[in-house]
Amino acid sequence: MTLLLKIAQTADESQIFEFFQESVGKWRSQRRYYTLPEGETKEMESIVTINFLEQGCDELQKLAQMHDLADIGSLICGAAVTWEGMDVPKARKESQGSTIFGVMGNILYRDRGFAISKPVTAQYYFSNPKTLCLRTEYNGSMFEEELKLIGSKYRTRQTIISRAGKQLMIGQYLEKRVD
């Protein structure tokens, strides 16, 4: 007898609301990037700070304007994320920045992309209530990301970057709550 397991994928706005609220705080992010097919690795460490954004706040209204949304109050919630990172082997500051996320329906709006400073959108769904999956596409590249809350003190993330159907990079992250 064969048992078929069907995994429900949902994009319920209440789930993203809860996910963002549970992500609030300061996180120590240890990550490793693998460049494909060579397998070259890069190790990074960052402090990531996440703040919850309520519907109608200034940041979400500005984000809605960036995306030319008809109703600037239509984003139901969001998150403001800042980070400061360093290259671990070189013990050198590598990056710092911020981004704003906002949600409406099954679309996650961002004020910037991974590799560009222009606004982008991602489709999102939940493979389970604690695992957020994103798919972002622009400039011929695709970014598939999975963020998983593990209890209240840990998160894992994985990002796969592809272009023209070929995987170029994999990023794997372990994040520990520090506050």
C-alpha atoms as a PDB file:
ATOM      1  CA  MET A   1       0.000   0.000   0.000  1.00  0.00           C
ATOM      2  CA  THR A   2       1.345   3.419  -0.952  1.00  0.00           C
ATOM      3  CA  LEU A   3       0.655   6.366   1.314  1.00  0.00           C
ATOM      4  CA  LEU A   4       0.649   9.760  -0.370  1.00  0.00           C
ATOM      5  CA  LEU A   5       1.608  12.735   1.766  1.00  0.00           C
ATOM      6  CA  LYS A   6       0.230  16.036   0.603  1.00  0.00           C
ATOM      7  CA  ILE A   7       1.911  19.138   1.976  1.00  0.00           C
ATOM      8  CA  ALA A   8      -0.359  22.142   2.246  1.00  0.00           C
ATOM      9  CA  GLN A   9       1.120  25.395   1.070  1.00  0.00           C
ATOM     10  CA  THR A  10      -0.689  28.485   2.290  1.00  0.00           C
ATOM     11  CA  ALA A  11      -0.296  32.229   1.957  1.00  0.00           C
ATOM     12  CA  ASP A  12      -2.573  33.272   4.807  1.00  0.00           C
ATOM     13  CA  GLU A  13      -1.942  36.899   5.848  1.00  0.00           C
ATOM     14  CA  SER A  14      -2.430  35.985   9.523  1.00  0.00           C
ATOM     15  CA  GLN A  15       0.492  33.534   9.254  1.00  0.00           C
ATOM     16  CA  ILE A  16       2.900  36.171   7.916  1.00  0.00           C
ATOM     17  CA  PHE A  17       1.691  38.569  10.624  1.00  0.00           C
ATOM     18  CA  GLU A  18       2.573  35.983  13.308  1.00  0.00           C
ATOM     19  CA  PHE A  19       5.846  35.026  11.595  1.00  0.00           C
ATOM     20  CA  PHE A  20       7.048  38.650  11.530  1.00  0.00           C
ATOM     21  CA  GLN A  21       6.028  39.174  15.164  1.00  0.00           C
ATOM     22  CA  GLU A  22       7.887  36.028  16.250  1.00  0.00           C
ATOM     23  CA  SER A  23      10.978  37.214  14.325  1.00  0.00           C
ATOM     24  CA  VAL A  24      11.214  40.558  16.154  1.00  0.00           C
ATOM     25  CA  GLY A  25      14.497  41.067  17.966  1.00  0.00           C
ATOM     26  CA  LYS A  26      18.231  40.935  17.500  1.00  0.00           C
ATOM     27  CA  TRP A  27      19.808  37.884  15.876  1.00  0.00           C
ATOM     28  CA  ARG A  28      23.402  36.710  15.427  1.00  0.00           C
ATOM     29  CA  SER A  29      23.511  35.322  11.903  1.00  0.00           C
ATOM     30  CA  GLN A  30      26.277  32.925  10.923  1.00  0.00           C
ATOM     31  CA  ARG A  31      26.203  32.078   7.246  1.00  0.00           C
ATOM     32  CA  ARG A  32      28.141  30.393   4.535  1.00  0.00           C
ATOM     33  CA  TYR A  33      27.812  31.063   0.820  1.00  0.00           C
ATOM     34  CA  TYR A  34      28.724  28.343  -1.663  1.00  0.00           C
ATOM     35  CA  THR A  35      29.512  29.478  -5.202  1.00  0.00           C
ATOM     36  CA  LEU A  36      28.530  26.839  -7.759  1.00  0.00           C
ATOM     37  CA  PRO A  37      29.809  24.793  -9.496  1.00  0.00           C
ATOM     38  CA  GLU A  38      33.309  25.456  -8.091  1.00  0.00           C
ATOM     39  CA  GLY A  39      32.170  25.184  -4.482  1.00  0.00           C
ATOM     40  CA  GLU A  40      34.131  28.229  -3.295  1.00  0.00           C
ATOM     41  CA  THR A  41      32.868  29.225   0.150  1.00  0.00           C
ATOM     42  CA  LYS A  42      32.578  32.509   1.963  1.00  0.00           C
ATOM     43  CA  GLU A  43      31.811  32.768   5.685  1.00  0.00           C
ATOM     44  CA  MET A  44      30.003  35.768   7.094  1.00  0.00           C
ATOM     45  CA  GLU A  45      28.646  36.791  10.465  1.00  0.00           C
ATOM     46  CA  SER A  46      26.110  39.541  11.069  1.00  0.00           C
ATOM     47  CA  ILE A  47      23.955  41.095  13.694  1.00  0.00           C
ATOM     48  CA  VAL A  48      20.430  41.362  12.275  1.00  0.00           C
ATOM     49  CA  THR A  49      17.738  43.465  13.955  1.00  0.00           C
ATOM     50  CA  ILE A  50      14.082  42.945  13.052  1.00  0.00           C
ATOM     51  CA  ASN A  51      11.231  45.298  13.992  1.00  0.00           C
ATOM     52  CA  PHE A  52       7.538  44.654  13.333  1.00  0.00           C
ATOM     53  CA  LEU A  53       5.664  47.252  11.259  1.00  0.00           C
ATOM     54  CA  GLU A  54       1.941  47.848  11.838  1.00  0.00           C
ATOM     55  CA  GLN A  55      -0.472  48.525   8.990  1.00  0.00           C
ATOM     56  CA  GLY A  56      -0.601  52.227   8.130  1.00  0.00           C
ATOM     57  CA  CYS A  57       2.814  53.154   9.596  1.00  0.00           C
ATOM     58  CA  ASP A  58       4.998  55.645   7.705  1.00  0.00           C
ATOM     59  CA  GLU A  59       7.481  52.994   6.486  1.00  0.00           C
ATOM     60  CA  LEU A  60       4.728  50.831   4.944  1.00  0.00           C
ATOM     61  CA  GLN A  61       3.037  53.849   3.359  1.00  0.00           C
ATOM     62  CA  LYS A  62       6.343  54.855   1.734  1.00  0.00           C
ATOM     63  CA  LEU A  63       6.865  51.270   0.557  1.00  0.00           C
ATOM     64  CA  ALA A  64       3.369  51.228  -0.972  1.00  0.00           C
ATOM     65  CA  GLN A  65       4.202  54.475  -2.816  1.00  0.00           C
ATOM     66  CA  MET A  66       7.470  52.961  -4.141  1.00  0.00           C
ATOM     67  CA  HIS A  67       5.411  50.116  -5.607  1.00  0.00           C
ATOM     68  CA  ASP A  68       2.719  52.466  -6.981  1.00  0.00           C
ATOM     69  CA  LEU A  69      -0.030  50.756  -4.971  1.00  0.00           C
ATOM     70  CA  ALA A  70      -3.378  52.542  -5.328  1.00  0.00           C
ATOM     71  CA  ASP A  71      -4.041  52.442  -1.566  1.00  0.00           C
ATOM     72  CA  ILE A  72      -0.944  53.406   0.446  1.00  0.00           C
ATOM     73  CA  GLY A  73      -2.519  51.853   3.547  1.00  0.00           C
ATOM     74  CA  SER A  74      -3.062  48.453   1.915  1.00  0.00           C
ATOM     75  CA  LEU A  75       0.030  46.658   3.264  1.00  0.00           C
ATOM     76  CA  ILE A  76      -1.313  44.688   6.247  1.00  0.00           C
ATOM     77  CA  CYS A  77       1.981  44.462   8.165  1.00  0.00           C
ATOM     78  CA  GLY A  78       5.697  44.361   7.597  1.00  0.00           C
ATOM     79  CA  ALA A  79       9.177  44.227   9.015  1.00  0.00           C
ATOM     80  CA  ALA A  80      12.107  46.636   9.121  1.00  0.00           C
ATOM     81  CA  VAL A  81      15.413  44.763   9.010  1.00  0.00           C
ATOM     82  CA  THR A  82      18.903  46.179   9.591  1.00  0.00           C
ATOM     83  CA  TRP A  83      22.202  44.322   9.534  1.00  0.00           C
ATOM     84  CA  GLU A  84      25.901  44.779   9.980  1.00  0.00           C
ATOM     85  CA  GLY A  85      28.116  41.972   8.755  1.00  0.00           C
ATOM     86  CA  MET A  86      31.722  40.922   8.603  1.00  0.00           C
ATOM     87  CA  ASP A  87      33.795  38.491   6.597  1.00  0.00           C
ATOM     88  CA  VAL A  88      34.807  35.938   9.242  1.00  0.00           C
ATOM     89  CA  PRO A  89      38.157  34.671   7.882  1.00  0.00           C
ATOM     90  CA  LYS A  90      39.347  38.201   7.106  1.00  0.00           C
ATOM     91  CA  ALA A  91      37.822  39.691  10.286  1.00  0.00           C
ATOM     92  CA  ARG A  92      36.762  42.637   8.143  1.00  0.00           C
ATOM     93  CA  LYS A  93      33.494  44.563   8.063  1.00  0.00           C
ATOM     94  CA  GLU A  94      31.821  43.519   4.829  1.00  0.00           C
ATOM     95  CA  SER A  95      28.344  44.978   4.689  1.00  0.00           C
ATOM     96  CA  GLN A  96      25.664  46.910   6.441  1.00  0.00           C
ATOM     97  CA  GLY A  97      22.241  47.983   5.386  1.00  0.00           C
ATOM     98  CA  SER A  98      18.526  47.895   5.865  1.00  0.00           C
ATOM     99  CA  THR A  99      15.397  46.811   4.057  1.00  0.00           C
ATOM    100  CA  ILE A 100      11.651  47.132   4.544  1.00  0.00           C
ATOM    101  CA  PHE A 101       9.167  44.318   3.897  1.00  0.00           C
ATOM    102  CA  GLY A 102       5.402  44.755   3.530  1.00  0.00           C
ATOM    103  CA  VAL A 103       2.625  42.246   2.824  1.00  0.00           C
ATOM    104  CA  MET A 104      -0.588  42.218   0.839  1.00  0.00           C
ATOM    105  CA  GLY A 105      -2.228  38.978  -0.243  1.00  0.00           C
ATOM    106  CA  ASN A 106       0.460  36.449  -1.173  1.00  0.00           C
ATOM    107  CA  ILE A 107       2.948  39.134  -2.235  1.00  0.00           C
ATOM    108  CA  LEU A 108       5.842  40.373  -0.118  1.00  0.00           C
ATOM    109  CA  TYR A 109       6.901  43.887  -1.151  1.00  0.00           C
ATOM    110  CA  ARG A 110      10.479  45.042  -0.540  1.00  0.00           C
ATOM    111  CA  ASP A 111      12.119  48.435  -0.877  1.00  0.00           C
ATOM    112  CA  ARG A 112      15.167  46.790  -2.488  1.00  0.00           C
ATOM    113  CA  GLY A 113      16.356  43.490  -3.922  1.00  0.00           C
ATOM    114  CA  PHE A 114      19.264  41.300  -2.865  1.00  0.00           C
ATOM    115  CA  ALA A 115      21.556  42.705  -5.524  1.00  0.00           C
ATOM    116  CA  ILE A 116      19.814  45.946  -6.554  1.00  0.00           C
ATOM    117  CA  SER A 117      18.538  49.026  -4.776  1.00  0.00           C
ATOM    118  CA  LYS A 118      15.211  49.089  -6.663  1.00  0.00           C
ATOM    119  CA  PRO A 119      11.909  47.888  -5.150  1.00  0.00           C
ATOM    120  CA  VAL A 120      11.044  44.222  -5.812  1.00  0.00           C
ATOM    121  CA  THR A 121       8.274  41.777  -4.964  1.00  0.00           C
ATOM    122  CA  ALA A 122       8.328  38.142  -3.936  1.00  0.00           C
ATOM    123  CA  GLN A 123       5.631  35.508  -3.867  1.00  0.00           C
ATOM    124  CA  TYR A 124       5.418  33.814  -0.507  1.00  0.00           C
ATOM    125  CA  TYR A 125       3.808  30.783   1.056  1.00  0.00           C
ATOM    126  CA  PHE A 126       4.144  28.703   4.207  1.00  0.00           C
ATOM    127  CA  SER A 127       5.058  25.032   3.939  1.00  0.00           C
ATOM    128  CA  ASN A 128       4.100  24.882   7.641  1.00  0.00           C
ATOM    129  CA  PRO A 129       3.242  27.645  10.162  1.00  0.00           C
ATOM    130  CA  LYS A 130       6.915  28.149  11.112  1.00  0.00           C
ATOM    131  CA  THR A 131       8.470  27.982   7.620  1.00  0.00           C
ATOM    132  CA  LEU A 132       8.203  30.952   5.245  1.00  0.00           C
ATOM    133  CA  CYS A 133       9.168  30.343   1.599  1.00  0.00           C
ATOM    134  CA  LEU A 134       9.885  33.202  -0.823  1.00  0.00           C
ATOM    135  CA  ARG A 135      10.470  33.368  -4.564  1.00  0.00           C
ATOM    136  CA  THR A 136      11.864  36.614  -5.994  1.00  0.00           C
ATOM    137  CA  GLU A 137      12.744  37.203  -9.658  1.00  0.00           C
ATOM    138  CA  TYR A 138      14.378  40.175 -11.366  1.00  0.00           C
ATOM    139  CA  ASN A 139      17.069  40.934 -13.964  1.00  0.00           C
ATOM    140  CA  GLY A 140      17.021  37.303 -15.149  1.00  0.00           C
ATOM    141  CA  SER A 141      17.857  35.933 -11.693  1.00  0.00           C
ATOM    142  CA  MET A 142      15.709  33.909  -9.318  1.00  0.00           C
ATOM    143  CA  PHE A 143      16.085  33.868  -5.524  1.00  0.00           C
ATOM    144  CA  GLU A 144      14.394  31.045  -3.615  1.00  0.00           C
ATOM    145  CA  GLU A 145      14.506  31.442   0.141  1.00  0.00           C
ATOM    146  CA  GLU A 146      13.269  29.434   3.101  1.00  0.00           C
ATOM    147  CA  LEU A 147      13.167  30.872   6.633  1.00  0.00           C
ATOM    148  CA  LYS A 148      12.345  28.497   9.476  1.00  0.00           C
ATOM    149  CA  LEU A 149      11.648  29.446  13.082  1.00  0.00           C
ATOM    150  CA  ILE A 150      12.952  26.795  15.479  1.00  0.00           C
ATOM    151  CA  GLY A 151      11.507  27.424  18.910  1.00  0.00           C
ATOM    152  CA  SER A 152      11.909  31.005  20.098  1.00  0.00           C
ATOM    153  CA  LYS A 153      15.711  31.238  19.960  1.00  0.00           C
ATOM    154  CA  TYR A 154      16.765  29.939  16.536  1.00  0.00           C
ATOM    155  CA  ARG A 155      16.076  30.456  12.852  1.00  0.00           C
ATOM    156  CA  THR A 156      17.549  28.789   9.826  1.00  0.00           C
ATOM    157  CA  ARG A 157      17.595  30.258   6.344  1.00  0.00           C
ATOM    158  CA  GLN A 158      18.594  28.943   2.985  1.00  0.00           C
ATOM    159  CA  THR A 159      18.807  30.935  -0.225  1.00  0.00           C
ATOM    160  CA  ILE A 160      19.367  29.500  -3.694  1.00  0.00           C
ATOM    161  CA  ILE A 161      20.304  31.976  -6.427  1.00  0.00           C
ATOM    162  CA  SER A 162      19.798  30.894 -10.056  1.00  0.00           C
ATOM    163  CA  ARG A 163      20.155  32.461 -13.479  1.00  0.00           C
ATOM    164  CA  ALA A 164      18.914  30.963 -16.754  1.00  0.00           C
ATOM    165  CA  GLY A 165      17.981  27.760 -14.948  1.00  0.00           C
ATOM    166  CA  LYS A 166      21.456  27.242 -13.457  1.00  0.00           C
ATOM    167  CA  GLN A 167      22.064  27.442  -9.734  1.00  0.00           C
ATOM    168  CA  LEU A 168      24.872  29.911  -9.012  1.00  0.00           C
ATOM    169  CA  MET A 169      25.005  30.187  -5.243  1.00  0.00           C
ATOM    170  CA  ILE A 170      23.612  28.649  -2.079  1.00  0.00           C
ATOM    171  CA  GLY A 171      23.515  30.589   1.168  1.00  0.00           C
ATOM    172  CA  GLN A 172      22.923  28.740   4.439  1.00  0.00           C
ATOM    173  CA  TYR A 173      22.313  30.566   7.698  1.00  0.00           C
ATOM    174  CA  LEU A 174      21.958  29.748  11.374  1.00  0.00           C
ATOM    175  CA  GLU A 175      20.556  32.629  13.383  1.00  0.00           C
ATOM    176  CA  LYS A 176      20.510  32.754  17.186  1.00  0.00           C
ATOM    177  CA  ARG A 177      18.450  35.272  19.133  1.00  0.00           C
ATOM    178  CA  VAL A 178      20.743  37.533  21.190  1.00  0.00           C
ATOM    179  CA  ASP A 179      18.232  39.697  23.061  1.00  0.00           C
END
